[in-house]
Protein backbone atom coordinates (compact mmCIF):
# COMPACT_ATOMS: atom_id res chain seq x y z
CA MET A 1 29.79 143.30 254.46
CA THR A 2 27.35 140.48 254.93
CA THR A 3 25.99 138.42 257.73
CA THR A 4 26.88 134.77 257.63
CA SER A 5 25.15 132.72 260.27
CA PRO A 6 26.17 129.20 261.12
CA ALA A 7 23.89 126.59 259.63
CA GLN A 8 21.54 125.02 262.06
CA THR A 9 22.10 121.35 262.65
CA ARG A 10 18.91 119.37 262.62
CA GLY A 11 18.24 115.70 262.55
CA GLY A 12 15.47 113.22 262.61
CA ALA A 13 13.37 111.31 260.14
CA ARG A 14 11.74 114.44 258.71
CA VAL A 15 15.06 115.95 257.71
CA ALA A 16 16.19 112.65 256.21
CA VAL A 17 13.03 112.47 254.10
CA GLN A 18 13.51 116.09 253.04
CA ARG A 19 17.08 115.45 251.92
CA PHE A 20 16.07 112.28 250.10
CA GLY A 21 13.24 114.10 248.38
CA THR A 22 15.54 116.98 247.44
CA PHE A 23 17.99 114.53 245.87
CA LEU A 24 15.21 112.87 243.86
CA SER A 25 13.94 116.29 242.80
CA GLY A 26 17.46 117.19 241.67
CA MET A 27 17.40 114.24 239.28
CA ILE A 28 13.89 114.84 237.93
CA MET A 29 13.49 118.61 237.73
CA PRO A 30 16.30 119.38 235.23
CA ASN A 31 14.77 116.81 232.87
CA ILE A 32 11.21 118.13 232.99
CA PRO A 33 11.74 119.81 229.56
CA ALA A 34 12.23 116.33 228.07
CA LEU A 35 9.00 115.17 229.73
CA ILE A 36 7.23 118.23 228.33
CA ALA A 37 8.59 117.46 224.85
CA TRP A 38 7.36 113.88 225.18
CA GLY A 39 3.95 115.15 226.31
CA ILE A 40 3.72 117.42 223.26
CA ILE A 41 4.64 114.56 220.93
CA THR A 42 1.95 112.34 222.42
CA ALA A 43 -0.60 115.17 222.34
CA PHE A 44 -0.14 115.71 218.63
CA PHE A 45 0.90 112.47 216.98
CA ILE A 46 -0.59 109.39 218.70
CA PRO A 47 -3.75 107.95 217.05
CA VAL A 48 -6.05 109.84 219.44
CA GLY A 49 -3.94 113.02 219.36
CA TRP A 50 -4.76 116.39 217.86
CA THR A 51 -2.91 115.70 214.58
CA PRO A 52 -2.32 111.93 214.31
CA ASN A 53 0.85 111.02 212.45
CA ALA A 54 1.90 107.37 212.33
CA ASP A 55 5.51 108.19 211.46
CA LEU A 56 6.11 110.81 214.14
CA ALA A 57 4.20 108.71 216.69
CA THR A 58 7.13 106.26 216.58
CA LEU A 59 9.01 108.82 218.72
CA VAL A 60 6.76 108.20 221.70
CA ASP A 61 8.04 104.83 222.87
CA PRO A 62 11.82 105.44 222.48
CA PHE A 63 11.43 108.76 224.33
CA ILE A 64 9.74 107.23 227.33
CA HIS A 65 11.53 103.89 227.38
CA TYR A 66 15.11 104.91 226.64
CA LEU A 67 15.79 108.65 226.52
CA LEU A 68 14.05 109.75 229.72
CA PRO A 69 15.47 107.06 232.05
CA LEU A 70 18.96 107.52 230.58
CA ILE A 71 19.06 111.29 231.02
CA ILE A 72 17.68 110.95 234.55
CA ALA A 73 20.43 108.43 235.30
CA TYR A 74 23.03 110.75 233.76
CA THR A 75 21.76 113.65 235.88
CA GLY A 76 21.87 111.55 239.05
CA GLY A 77 25.38 110.38 238.25
CA TYR A 78 26.47 113.92 237.40
CA MET A 79 25.26 115.13 240.78
CA ILE A 80 27.60 112.64 242.43
CA TYR A 81 30.65 112.63 240.15
CA ARG A 82 30.21 115.09 237.28
CA GLN A 83 30.38 113.85 233.67
CA ARG A 84 32.28 110.69 234.59
CA GLY A 85 29.59 109.66 237.05
CA GLY A 86 26.83 110.59 234.60
CA VAL A 87 28.25 108.41 231.83
CA VAL A 88 28.74 105.37 234.07
CA GLY A 89 25.25 105.86 235.52
CA ALA A 90 23.67 105.92 232.06
CA ILE A 91 25.55 102.75 231.04
CA ALA A 92 24.31 100.96 234.16
CA THR A 93 20.73 102.05 233.53
CA MET A 94 20.85 100.73 229.96
CA GLY A 95 21.53 97.32 231.49
CA ALA A 96 18.43 97.66 233.69
CA ILE A 97 16.28 98.67 230.71
CA ALA A 98 17.41 95.64 228.69
CA GLY A 99 17.01 93.35 231.68
CA SER A 100 13.49 94.56 232.35
CA ASP A 101 12.49 94.04 228.72
CA LEU A 102 13.78 90.47 228.84
CA ILE A 103 11.83 89.77 232.03
CA ILE A 104 8.61 91.10 230.53
CA ASN A 105 9.11 89.29 227.21
CA ASN A 106 9.77 85.97 228.93
CA PHE A 107 6.77 86.44 231.21
CA ASN A 108 4.47 87.28 228.29
CA ALA A 109 5.72 84.29 226.30
CA ALA A 110 4.97 81.96 229.20
CA LEU A 111 1.61 83.66 229.81
CA LEU A 112 0.48 83.32 226.18
CA ALA A 113 1.65 79.74 226.04
CA ALA A 114 -0.58 78.93 228.99
CA ASN A 115 -3.49 81.12 227.86
CA PRO A 116 -3.49 82.54 224.30
CA ASP A 117 -6.30 84.94 225.20
CA ALA A 118 -4.46 86.50 228.15
CA SER A 119 -3.52 90.18 228.14
CA GLU A 120 0.21 90.80 227.85
CA LEU A 121 2.07 92.94 230.36
CA GLY A 122 3.37 96.27 229.06
CA LYS A 123 6.95 97.44 229.34
CA VAL A 124 8.23 98.69 232.67
CA HIS A 125 9.95 102.04 232.20
CA MET A 126 13.12 102.24 234.29
CA PHE A 127 12.63 105.59 236.04
CA ILE A 128 13.10 104.11 239.50
CA GLY A 129 15.97 102.02 238.14
CA ALA A 130 17.59 105.19 236.79
CA MET A 131 17.21 106.94 240.14
CA ILE A 132 18.90 103.98 241.83
CA LEU A 133 21.65 103.14 239.35
CA GLY A 134 22.66 106.63 238.26
CA PRO A 135 23.85 107.79 241.71
CA LEU A 136 25.01 104.30 242.75
CA ALA A 137 27.21 103.76 239.70
CA ALA A 138 28.68 107.25 240.02
CA TRP A 139 29.40 106.86 243.74
CA THR A 140 31.10 103.52 243.29
CA MET A 141 33.12 104.89 240.34
CA LYS A 142 34.26 107.76 242.52
CA LYS A 143 35.34 105.37 245.26
CA LEU A 144 37.25 103.19 242.79
CA ASP A 145 39.06 106.18 241.32
CA SER A 146 40.19 107.17 244.79
CA LEU A 147 41.97 103.81 245.16
CA TRP A 148 44.54 104.57 242.45
CA GLU A 149 44.52 108.36 242.60
CA GLY A 150 48.10 109.65 242.40
CA LYS A 151 49.47 106.16 241.69
CA ILE A 152 49.23 106.13 237.89
CA ARG A 153 52.46 106.55 235.95
CA ALA A 154 52.65 109.77 233.94
CA GLY A 155 51.32 109.38 230.42
CA PHE A 156 48.91 106.58 231.31
CA GLU A 157 46.24 108.69 233.05
CA MET A 158 43.86 108.88 230.08
CA LEU A 159 44.22 105.18 229.31
CA VAL A 160 43.43 104.20 232.90
CA ASN A 161 40.57 106.70 233.23
CA MET A 162 38.86 105.59 230.03
CA PHE A 163 39.22 101.86 230.57
CA SER A 164 38.34 101.96 234.27
CA ALA A 165 35.11 103.82 233.55
CA GLY A 166 34.27 101.51 230.64
CA ILE A 167 34.96 98.35 232.63
CA TRP A 168 33.04 99.56 235.68
CA GLY A 169 30.18 100.70 233.45
CA PHE A 170 30.07 97.19 231.98
CA ILE A 171 29.98 95.63 235.46
CA MET A 172 27.21 98.00 236.62
CA ALA A 173 25.23 97.27 233.43
CA VAL A 174 25.32 93.56 234.29
CA ILE A 175 24.22 94.39 237.84
CA GLY A 176 21.44 96.52 236.37
CA PHE A 177 20.43 93.73 233.98
CA TYR A 178 19.87 91.13 236.66
CA PRO A 179 19.18 92.13 240.30
CA VAL A 180 18.16 95.76 239.73
CA ALA A 181 15.80 94.98 236.84
CA TRP A 182 14.11 92.27 238.91
CA LEU A 183 13.92 94.57 241.94
CA VAL A 184 12.44 97.51 240.05
CA ASN A 185 9.91 95.35 238.23
CA GLY A 186 8.78 94.03 241.60
CA ILE A 187 8.58 97.52 243.11
CA MET A 188 6.59 98.86 240.16
CA THR A 189 4.21 95.90 240.34
CA VAL A 190 3.55 96.47 244.05
CA LEU A 191 3.09 100.23 243.65
CA SER A 192 0.87 99.84 240.58
CA ASN A 193 -1.32 97.32 242.37
CA ALA A 194 -1.60 99.68 245.35
CA VAL A 195 -2.68 102.57 243.12
CA ASN A 196 -5.12 100.35 241.20
CA PHE A 197 -6.61 99.23 244.51
CA LEU A 198 -7.14 102.84 245.59
CA VAL A 199 -8.75 103.67 242.25
CA ASP A 200 -10.95 100.58 242.15
CA THR A 201 -12.17 101.17 245.70
CA ASN A 202 -12.61 104.94 245.14
CA LEU A 203 -10.11 105.64 247.92
CA LEU A 204 -7.60 107.66 245.88
CA PRO A 205 -8.88 110.97 247.34
CA LEU A 206 -7.62 109.79 250.74
CA THR A 207 -4.06 110.33 249.50
CA SER A 208 -4.66 114.04 250.13
CA ILE A 209 -4.59 113.27 253.86
CA ILE A 210 -0.89 112.46 253.37
CA ILE A 211 0.08 114.72 250.49
CA GLU A 212 -1.31 118.07 251.67
CA PRO A 213 0.34 118.04 255.13
CA ALA A 214 3.50 116.63 253.54
CA LYS A 215 3.67 119.63 251.22
CA VAL A 216 3.47 122.10 254.10
CA PHE A 217 6.37 120.36 255.84
CA PHE A 218 8.38 119.89 252.61
CA LEU A 219 8.11 116.11 252.72
CA ASN A 220 6.32 115.77 249.39
CA ASN A 221 9.28 115.46 247.02
CA ALA A 222 10.03 111.89 248.07
CA ILE A 223 6.39 110.93 247.42
CA ASN A 224 6.04 112.92 244.22
CA HIS A 225 9.33 112.17 242.47
CA GLY A 226 9.93 108.78 244.06
CA VAL A 227 6.47 107.26 243.50
CA LEU A 228 3.89 109.40 241.71
CA THR A 229 6.02 110.58 238.78
CA PRO A 230 7.37 107.12 237.76
CA LEU A 231 3.93 105.53 238.13
CA GLY A 232 2.24 108.43 236.34
CA ILE A 233 4.62 108.26 233.40
CA SER A 234 4.09 104.52 233.01
CA GLU A 235 0.32 104.97 233.20
CA SER A 236 0.42 107.85 230.74
CA ALA A 237 2.49 105.80 228.29
CA GLU A 238 -0.25 103.15 228.27
CA GLN A 239 -3.39 105.30 228.58
CA GLY A 240 -2.30 108.70 227.27
CA LYS A 241 -2.86 110.41 230.64
CA SER A 242 -2.60 109.91 234.38
CA ILE A 243 -4.46 111.33 237.36
CA LEU A 244 -1.35 110.79 239.49
CA PHE A 245 0.29 113.90 238.05
CA LEU A 246 -2.44 116.01 239.68
CA LEU A 247 -2.35 114.59 243.20
CA GLU A 248 0.40 116.98 244.29
CA ALA A 249 0.58 119.62 241.54
CA ASN A 250 -3.03 120.92 241.71
CA PRO A 251 -2.73 124.67 242.51
CA GLY A 252 -6.35 124.90 243.61
CA PRO A 253 -6.03 124.23 247.37
CA GLY A 254 -3.24 126.78 247.76
CA LEU A 255 -5.18 129.38 245.81
CA GLY A 256 -8.27 128.82 247.95
CA LEU A 257 -6.28 129.27 251.16
CA LEU A 258 -4.67 132.51 249.96
CA LEU A 259 -8.01 133.90 248.80
CA ALA A 260 -9.45 133.16 252.24
CA PHE A 261 -6.66 135.23 253.81
CA THR A 262 -7.22 137.96 251.23
CA PHE A 263 -10.81 138.42 252.40
CA PHE A 264 -10.75 137.31 256.03
CA GLY A 265 -7.14 137.50 257.19
CA ILE A 266 -5.64 140.30 259.25
CA GLY A 267 -2.46 142.34 259.22
CA ALA A 268 0.54 141.33 257.17
CA ALA A 269 -0.98 137.98 256.21
CA ARG A 270 -3.95 139.68 254.58
CA ALA A 271 -1.80 142.33 252.91
CA SER A 272 0.59 139.81 251.37
CA ALA A 273 -1.96 137.15 250.40
CA PRO A 274 -3.01 138.60 246.99
CA GLY A 275 0.56 138.81 245.75
CA ALA A 276 1.30 135.35 247.09
CA ALA A 277 -1.76 134.02 245.26
CA VAL A 278 -0.40 135.30 241.95
CA ILE A 279 3.01 133.74 242.59
CA GLN A 280 1.48 130.44 243.66
CA PHE A 281 -1.23 130.10 240.99
CA LEU A 282 0.61 131.49 237.96
CA GLY A 283 4.23 130.99 238.97
CA GLY A 284 3.70 127.55 240.45
CA ILE A 285 5.75 128.22 243.62
CA HIS A 286 3.49 126.48 246.13
CA GLU A 287 5.73 127.12 249.12
CA VAL A 288 4.45 130.70 249.41
CA TYR A 289 1.18 129.48 250.94
CA PHE A 290 2.81 127.21 253.51
CA PRO A 291 3.32 129.97 256.14
CA TYR A 292 -0.37 130.84 255.99
CA ALA A 293 -1.23 127.23 256.84
CA LEU A 294 1.35 127.12 259.63
CA MET A 295 -0.12 130.26 261.24
CA LYS A 296 -3.09 128.07 262.09
CA PRO A 297 -2.26 124.38 261.60
CA VAL A 298 -5.98 123.62 261.65
CA LEU A 299 -6.06 125.23 258.17
CA ILE A 300 -4.37 122.08 256.87
CA VAL A 301 -7.85 120.55 257.19
CA ALA A 302 -9.02 123.05 254.56
CA LEU A 303 -6.16 122.05 252.26
CA ILE A 304 -6.98 118.36 252.70
CA ALA A 305 -10.64 119.00 251.93
CA GLY A 306 -9.71 120.92 248.80
CA GLY A 307 -7.19 118.31 247.70
CA MET A 308 -9.71 115.50 248.14
CA THR A 309 -12.27 117.49 246.16
CA GLY A 310 -9.85 117.92 243.28
CA VAL A 311 -8.88 114.23 243.21
CA THR A 312 -12.53 113.16 243.39
CA THR A 313 -13.45 115.47 240.51
CA ASN A 314 -10.68 114.08 238.32
CA MET A 315 -11.67 110.51 239.20
CA LEU A 316 -15.34 111.03 238.38
CA LEU A 317 -14.59 112.74 235.08
CA GLY A 318 -11.65 110.52 234.11
CA ALA A 319 -9.30 113.49 233.81
CA GLY A 320 -5.54 113.47 233.84
CA LEU A 321 -2.33 115.00 232.53
CA ARG A 322 -0.06 113.65 229.80
CA ALA A 323 3.13 114.42 231.73
CA PRO A 324 4.17 116.03 235.05
CA ALA A 325 3.24 119.69 235.51
CA ALA A 326 6.34 121.40 236.85
CA PRO A 327 6.29 123.85 238.39
CA GLY A 328 2.75 123.44 239.73
CA SER A 329 1.41 126.45 237.86
CA ILE A 330 -2.02 126.53 236.27
CA ILE A 331 -0.20 127.31 233.02
CA ALA A 332 1.90 124.14 233.28
CA VAL A 333 -1.14 122.11 234.34
CA LEU A 334 -3.19 123.22 231.33
CA ALA A 335 -0.23 122.73 228.98
CA GLN A 336 0.00 119.06 230.04
CA THR A 337 -3.74 118.37 230.20
CA ALA A 338 -4.87 115.50 227.98
CA SER A 339 -7.10 116.54 225.08
CA ASP A 340 -10.19 114.89 226.63
CA SER A 341 -9.56 116.19 230.16
CA TYR A 342 -9.80 119.97 230.05
CA VAL A 343 -13.25 120.12 231.62
CA GLY A 344 -12.29 117.75 234.43
CA VAL A 345 -8.93 119.36 235.18
CA ILE A 346 -10.29 122.92 235.16
CA LEU A 347 -13.22 121.89 237.35
CA SER A 348 -10.88 120.08 239.75
CA VAL A 349 -8.83 123.26 240.20
CA ILE A 350 -11.89 125.49 240.61
CA LEU A 351 -13.72 123.17 243.00
CA SER A 352 -10.65 122.40 245.10
CA ALA A 353 -9.98 126.13 245.42
CA ALA A 354 -13.61 126.79 246.32
CA VAL A 355 -13.78 124.08 248.99
CA THR A 356 -10.48 125.17 250.55
CA PHE A 357 -11.67 128.80 250.49
CA ILE A 358 -14.95 127.98 252.22
CA VAL A 359 -13.43 125.80 254.94
CA ALA A 360 -10.52 128.20 255.54
CA SER A 361 -12.87 131.19 255.66
CA ILE A 362 -14.98 129.53 258.35
CA ILE A 363 -11.86 128.83 260.41
CA LEU A 364 -10.51 132.37 260.00
CA ARG A 365 -13.84 133.99 260.84
CA ALA A 366 -14.23 131.83 263.92
CA SER A 367 -10.86 132.96 265.32
CA ARG A 368 -10.90 136.56 264.07
CA LYS A 369 -11.45 138.21 267.48
CA ARG A 370 -8.65 136.24 269.06
CA ASP A 371 -6.32 137.07 266.16
CA LEU A 372 -7.10 140.79 266.40
CA ALA A 373 -6.45 140.76 270.13
CA ALA A 374 -3.10 139.05 269.58
CA ALA A 375 -2.20 141.59 266.90
CA GLU A 376 -2.94 144.47 269.28
CA LEU A 377 -0.47 142.93 271.74
CA GLY A 378 2.20 142.98 269.05
CA THR A 379 2.29 139.22 268.40
CA ASP A 380 3.40 138.67 264.80
CA SER A 381 2.28 135.11 264.13
CA PHE A 382 2.73 135.52 260.37
CA ALA A 383 6.44 136.38 260.56
CA ALA A 384 6.90 133.45 262.96
CA ALA A 385 5.09 131.17 260.51
CA VAL A 386 7.37 132.29 257.66
CA SER A 387 10.41 131.48 259.78
CA GLN A 388 8.91 128.12 260.75
CA THR A 389 8.27 127.33 257.09
CA GLU A 390 11.88 128.05 256.21
CA ALA A 391 12.97 125.89 259.14
CA ASN A 392 10.79 123.07 257.81
CA LYS A 393 12.29 123.49 254.36
CA GLY A 394 15.79 123.40 255.78
CA LYS A 395 16.85 126.55 253.95
CA LYS A 396 15.88 130.13 253.30
CA SER A 397 13.69 131.01 250.33
CA ASP A 398 13.42 134.17 248.30
CA ALA A 399 9.68 133.78 247.84
CA LEU A 400 9.13 133.22 251.55
CA SER A 401 11.51 135.99 252.50
CA GLY A 402 9.47 138.31 250.33
CA LEU A 403 6.49 137.48 252.52
CA ARG A 404 8.54 138.21 255.62
CA GLY A 405 9.57 141.52 254.11
CA SER A 406 5.95 142.57 253.98
CA ALA A 407 5.47 141.65 257.61
CA THR A 408 8.54 143.01 259.30
CA ALA A 409 11.39 145.37 258.65
CA PRO A 410 14.85 143.84 258.29
CA ALA A 411 16.39 143.21 261.65
CA ALA A 412 19.38 145.24 262.68
CA THR A 413 22.72 143.55 262.39
CA THR A 414 24.08 142.58 265.78
CA ASP A 415 27.65 143.12 266.87
CA ALA A 416 28.24 139.39 266.68
CA ALA A 417 26.85 139.29 263.15
CA ALA A 418 29.02 142.22 262.16
CA ALA A 419 32.05 140.43 263.50
CA ALA A 420 31.09 137.33 261.57
CA SER A 421 30.87 139.40 258.41
CA ALA A 422 34.38 140.79 258.70
CA PRO A 423 36.13 137.83 257.04
CA ALA A 424 33.74 138.10 254.09
CA GLU A 425 34.67 141.77 253.58
CA THR A 426 38.38 140.93 253.49
CA ALA A 427 37.79 138.06 251.05
CA VAL A 428 35.66 140.22 248.78
CA ALA A 429 38.35 142.90 248.65
CA GLU A 430 40.96 140.33 247.59
CA ARG A 431 38.95 138.81 244.74
CA GLU A 432 37.43 140.68 241.82
CA ILE A 433 33.76 139.85 241.44
CA THR A 434 32.66 139.12 237.87
CA ASN A 435 30.63 135.93 238.33
CA VAL A 436 27.86 135.83 240.95
CA VAL A 437 25.96 132.60 241.49
CA PHE A 438 22.76 132.07 243.49
CA ALA A 439 22.69 128.50 244.75
CA CYS A 440 19.92 126.38 246.22
CA ASP A 441 19.11 122.67 246.33
CA ALA A 442 17.62 122.28 242.86
CA GLY A 443 19.07 125.40 241.22
CA MET A 444 15.62 126.56 240.11
CA GLY A 445 12.72 128.52 241.49
CA SER A 446 13.97 130.44 244.50
CA SER A 447 17.55 130.86 243.31
CA ALA A 448 16.34 132.04 239.89
CA MET A 449 14.14 134.69 241.49
CA GLY A 450 16.97 135.91 243.71
CA ALA A 451 19.33 136.11 240.74
CA SER A 452 16.79 138.20 238.86
CA VAL A 453 16.54 140.69 241.75
CA LEU A 454 20.31 141.19 241.97
CA ARG A 455 20.67 141.34 238.18
CA ASN A 456 18.21 144.23 238.08
CA LYS A 457 20.07 146.02 240.87
CA PHE A 458 23.33 145.80 238.93
CA LYS A 459 21.56 147.14 235.85
CA LYS A 460 20.04 150.10 237.71
CA ALA A 461 23.43 150.89 239.26
CA GLY A 462 25.05 150.91 235.82
CA VAL A 463 27.40 148.05 236.71
CA GLU A 464 28.38 146.01 233.66
CA GLY A 465 30.49 142.93 233.15
CA VAL A 466 29.05 140.96 236.07
CA THR A 467 27.15 137.78 235.30
CA VAL A 468 24.47 136.66 237.75
CA THR A 469 23.24 133.09 237.38
CA ASN A 470 21.58 130.40 239.48
CA LYS A 471 22.67 126.80 240.03
CA ALA A 472 22.13 123.83 242.26
CA ILE A 473 24.71 123.65 245.03
CA ALA A 474 25.93 120.33 243.64
CA ASN A 475 26.74 122.05 240.33
CA LEU A 476 28.83 124.89 241.76
CA ASP A 477 32.36 125.19 240.38
CA PRO A 478 35.43 127.34 241.12
CA SER A 479 34.46 129.90 238.45
CA ALA A 480 31.97 131.39 240.92
CA ASP A 481 33.56 134.50 242.45
CA LEU A 482 30.64 135.15 244.79
CA VAL A 483 28.07 132.58 245.91
CA ILE A 484 24.82 133.73 247.53
CA THR A 485 22.82 131.19 249.52
CA GLN A 486 20.25 131.00 252.26
CA GLN A 487 21.82 130.82 255.70
CA GLN A 488 21.19 127.14 256.25
CA LEU A 489 22.82 126.21 252.95
CA THR A 490 25.96 128.33 253.16
CA ASP A 491 28.12 125.66 254.80
CA ARG A 492 27.21 123.16 252.10
CA ALA A 493 28.01 125.66 249.35
CA ARG A 494 31.32 126.58 251.01
CA GLY A 495 32.27 122.91 251.06
CA VAL A 496 31.83 122.73 247.26
CA THR A 497 33.60 126.00 246.39
CA PRO A 498 35.81 126.91 249.37
CA ASP A 499 37.75 129.54 247.41
CA SER A 500 34.66 131.56 246.44
CA VAL A 501 33.29 134.42 248.53
CA HIS A 502 30.12 133.21 250.26
CA VAL A 503 27.26 135.48 251.29
CA SER A 504 24.28 134.39 253.39
CA VAL A 505 20.99 136.23 253.16
CA ASP A 506 17.79 136.11 255.14
CA ASN A 507 15.52 137.92 252.74
CA PHE A 508 16.06 136.86 249.14
CA MET A 509 13.43 139.11 247.61
CA ASN A 510 14.48 142.40 249.18
CA SER A 511 17.66 141.75 251.14
CA PRO A 512 19.79 144.79 252.00
CA LYS A 513 22.79 142.55 251.33
CA TYR A 514 22.20 142.98 247.59
CA ASP A 515 22.80 146.72 247.81
CA GLU A 516 26.01 145.99 249.73
CA VAL A 517 27.16 143.57 247.03
CA VAL A 518 26.47 146.15 244.31
CA GLU A 519 28.31 148.85 246.26
CA MET A 520 31.27 146.54 246.88
CA VAL A 521 31.59 145.78 243.13
CA ARG A 522 31.41 149.49 242.35
CA ARG A 523 34.19 150.19 244.86
CA GLN A 524 36.34 147.48 243.33
CA ARG A 525 36.03 149.20 239.96
CA GLY A 526 36.56 152.68 241.35
CA ASP A 527 33.00 153.79 240.52
CA ALA A 528 32.03 154.70 244.10
């Protein structure tokens, strides 16, 4: 029924950074709603907020200092070892929070004793500590459980499970209290000093030289979630806003590039650019503009110029966001904009889009004749760029596949592919499909869009009683009858739920495999 291609094996530092960034993103992204809630509380109730309220403002510090690190640690632990790992990870992180507070309090006491007029250090919020201890505590708990698995006398399983987790959580909390708290405080001090140096020397715009190319090659998550988000949250807690949230999330450069293709591109790239601009600017899915940059790598210069323009504008006008804007939609950006920063943020988006548009337009116009000649020879550089983007990402994407769909017709299934699909047909026939799950790395964005497409197809076909949801691969469970993934993720998904039927797709937005899935379910129910 479906084509399941073997996952491509790739290595190297770039892939390692991608995987690391994806793991960090998996801890941060599910907890963005809590960051949004914290941002709303600060926007309304702090003394300089829209509706100051001294009582409700007391929510701000516990949210940022305790709740957010603990739920991030729980999420990281859950990714490794489900609820058991999440609980132990949260316990360990509480130790790091308490240890960090003690370090800061002792330092401030010594500082004030030496100089009563000195400025005290603020609290260090344990976001990096949570991202270290959550997964570490869960992984070690999992390893310990494996030592006595199957060796516990019947009737004592619950006693051993509860006490082992409690005792190991206690040990990890002590580890968090001492070495991890000291380590994270040192890391945050170094990173904060580095950022302050860039700001004081007006060099912060140079970060675009790293961030914009990193985005195109899907290397930005490690930078964004590993460095910028923790630092930005700490800065926002002290100052009410942070420019760091806008270094990567600004949708202006991507919009400018897509507008340049809308007016000066050719062929499929020009035809698909307006729709991609809507998805990127309003939906916040930045990856849709990456293939356009990869068509002509020199266009990354335009993105860098636009990114630097946006950062410079925010620096000059002192603009920033209260909390991370995720996804990087203009709607999310404006929702998190500090009350005194609307002019700066809006200008940074407009100017960064304008600069990227101008530079990209010059590049496209200069190579137009050569591009037209290549198109006449049948060279489809846009489809190749889409494929290259997916290769860089390490998985297929529904948004990107939608771009490919506008450039080329679906390829015919080869005999080898048909043979590979035969086992899937047999498995589908043996298992009734009532629960379909789209799975990707983070369980958001691309998988949600793919699930929506298939859900609508079931509805149009009059098929009822089938649930279609989206999850992160790490959160898959045996209840999934059919799991749909991009080709390069199928092996990972099959390792998590080996008894489910697994379907690989190339084109998530308009894959012919969806019609086959719908028809297969109808046949199972005798509707065909």
